[in-house]
Amino acid sequence: MSKPKFSPGPWHINTASGVQIFPATGASVCELNILEAKEENLANAALIAAAPELYAALDALVNPEEGISVKGVNQRFEEAKAILAKARGEWTAEQILEREG
């Protein structure tokens, strides 16, 4: 399998000047329109920032390593559910900002 070409995660939300998404190193991945409602911007940012985690979770489920246990598969499903909650914006704005630092 080929290595992803996108900036590696985790990606973080920065609200110092508008709403921006930054990878662990380097320039911003994107900036969101600051004229929209703040909650909607943060929900959009949450989805975008979760992209590398969503990719990794889906990749781990679709391409499991040989010999993975049922417990290991179940753990991956639980991790994927948590990442989906993050991506759906089910975390509050405060939780998103707290987790993203």
Protein backbone atom coordinates (compact mmCIF):
# COMPACT_ATOMS: atom_id res chain seq x y z
CA MET A 1 0.00 0.00 0.00
CA SER A 2 1.26 3.47 -0.81
CA LYS A 3 1.94 6.11 1.80
CA PRO A 4 -0.64 8.94 2.03
CA LYS A 5 0.38 12.14 0.26
CA PHE A 6 -1.43 14.52 2.64
CA SER A 7 0.19 16.26 5.60
CA PRO A 8 0.53 13.80 8.48
CA GLY A 9 -1.70 14.22 11.54
CA PRO A 10 -2.66 15.09 14.02
CA TRP A 11 -4.15 18.29 12.68
CA HIS A 12 -5.06 21.05 15.12
CA ILE A 13 -7.61 23.85 15.18
CA ASN A 14 -6.31 27.37 15.74
CA THR A 15 -8.73 30.24 16.39
CA ALA A 16 -6.19 32.99 17.09
CA SER A 17 -6.98 34.64 13.75
CA GLY A 18 -10.15 33.21 12.26
CA VAL A 19 -10.44 29.42 12.13
CA GLN A 20 -7.46 27.57 10.70
CA ILE A 21 -6.33 23.94 10.58
CA PHE A 22 -2.64 23.19 11.05
CA PRO A 23 -0.76 19.91 10.74
CA ALA A 24 1.80 18.92 13.37
CA THR A 25 4.44 20.85 11.40
CA GLY A 26 4.22 23.34 8.57
CA ALA A 27 1.78 25.90 7.23
CA SER A 28 -1.99 25.77 7.63
CA VAL A 29 -3.92 23.11 5.76
CA CYS A 30 -6.91 25.44 5.37
CA GLU A 31 -8.67 28.54 6.67
CA LEU A 32 -12.42 28.80 7.13
CA ASN A 33 -14.60 31.80 6.35
CA ILE A 34 -14.75 33.83 9.56
CA LEU A 35 -17.99 35.55 8.50
CA GLU A 36 -20.04 32.42 9.28
CA ALA A 37 -21.35 31.45 12.70
CA LYS A 38 -18.58 30.42 15.08
CA GLU A 39 -20.23 27.10 16.03
CA GLU A 40 -20.57 26.12 12.38
CA ASN A 41 -16.94 27.08 11.73
CA LEU A 42 -15.79 24.97 14.66
CA ALA A 43 -17.90 22.03 13.50
CA ASN A 44 -16.42 22.33 9.99
CA ALA A 45 -12.96 22.66 11.51
CA ALA A 46 -13.56 19.55 13.62
CA LEU A 47 -14.42 17.53 10.53
CA ILE A 48 -11.41 18.77 8.60
CA ALA A 49 -9.01 18.37 11.54
CA ALA A 50 -10.20 14.78 12.04
CA ALA A 51 -9.36 13.82 8.43
CA PRO A 52 -5.99 12.14 9.15
CA GLU A 53 -7.50 10.23 12.10
CA LEU A 54 -10.50 9.18 10.01
CA TYR A 55 -8.16 7.98 7.28
CA ALA A 56 -6.04 6.01 9.77
CA ALA A 57 -9.08 4.44 11.47
CA LEU A 58 -10.63 3.38 8.18
CA ASP A 59 -7.29 2.09 6.89
CA ALA A 60 -6.80 0.03 10.07
CA LEU A 61 -10.26 -1.52 9.70
CA VAL A 62 -9.98 -2.21 5.97
CA ASN A 63 -6.36 -3.42 6.08
CA PRO A 64 -5.90 -5.13 9.46
CA GLU A 65 -2.57 -6.66 10.23
CA GLU A 66 -2.36 -10.42 10.06
CA GLY A 67 -3.33 -12.20 13.27
CA ILE A 68 -5.29 -9.33 14.87
CA SER A 69 -7.53 -10.54 17.68
CA VAL A 70 -11.26 -9.98 17.97
CA LYS A 71 -10.49 -7.71 20.93
CA GLY A 72 -8.13 -5.69 18.73
CA VAL A 73 -10.80 -5.30 16.04
CA ASN A 74 -13.38 -4.25 18.65
CA GLN A 75 -10.95 -1.67 20.03
CA ARG A 76 -10.47 -0.25 16.54
CA PHE A 77 -14.24 0.08 16.12
CA GLU A 78 -14.49 1.96 19.42
CA GLU A 79 -11.66 4.29 18.36
CA ALA A 80 -13.37 4.85 15.01
CA LYS A 81 -16.65 5.73 16.78
CA ALA A 82 -14.86 8.32 18.91
CA ILE A 83 -13.18 9.85 15.85
CA LEU A 84 -16.54 10.00 14.05
CA ALA A 85 -18.04 11.85 17.04
CA LYS A 86 -15.19 14.34 16.80
CA ALA A 87 -15.67 14.71 13.04
CA ARG A 88 -19.45 15.21 13.41
CA GLY A 89 -18.80 18.09 15.75
CA GLU A 90 -20.53 16.33 18.64
CA TRP A 91 -17.89 17.69 20.93
CA THR A 92 -18.63 21.16 22.24
CA ALA A 93 -16.58 24.08 20.98
CA GLU A 94 -14.77 24.12 24.33
CA GLN A 95 -13.92 20.41 24.09
CA ILE A 96 -12.59 20.83 20.56
CA LEU A 97 -10.39 23.76 21.54
CA GLU A 98 -9.26 22.01 24.74
CA ARG A 99 -8.25 18.84 22.89
CA GLU A 100 -6.58 20.72 20.07
CA GLY A 101 -4.57 22.87 22.48
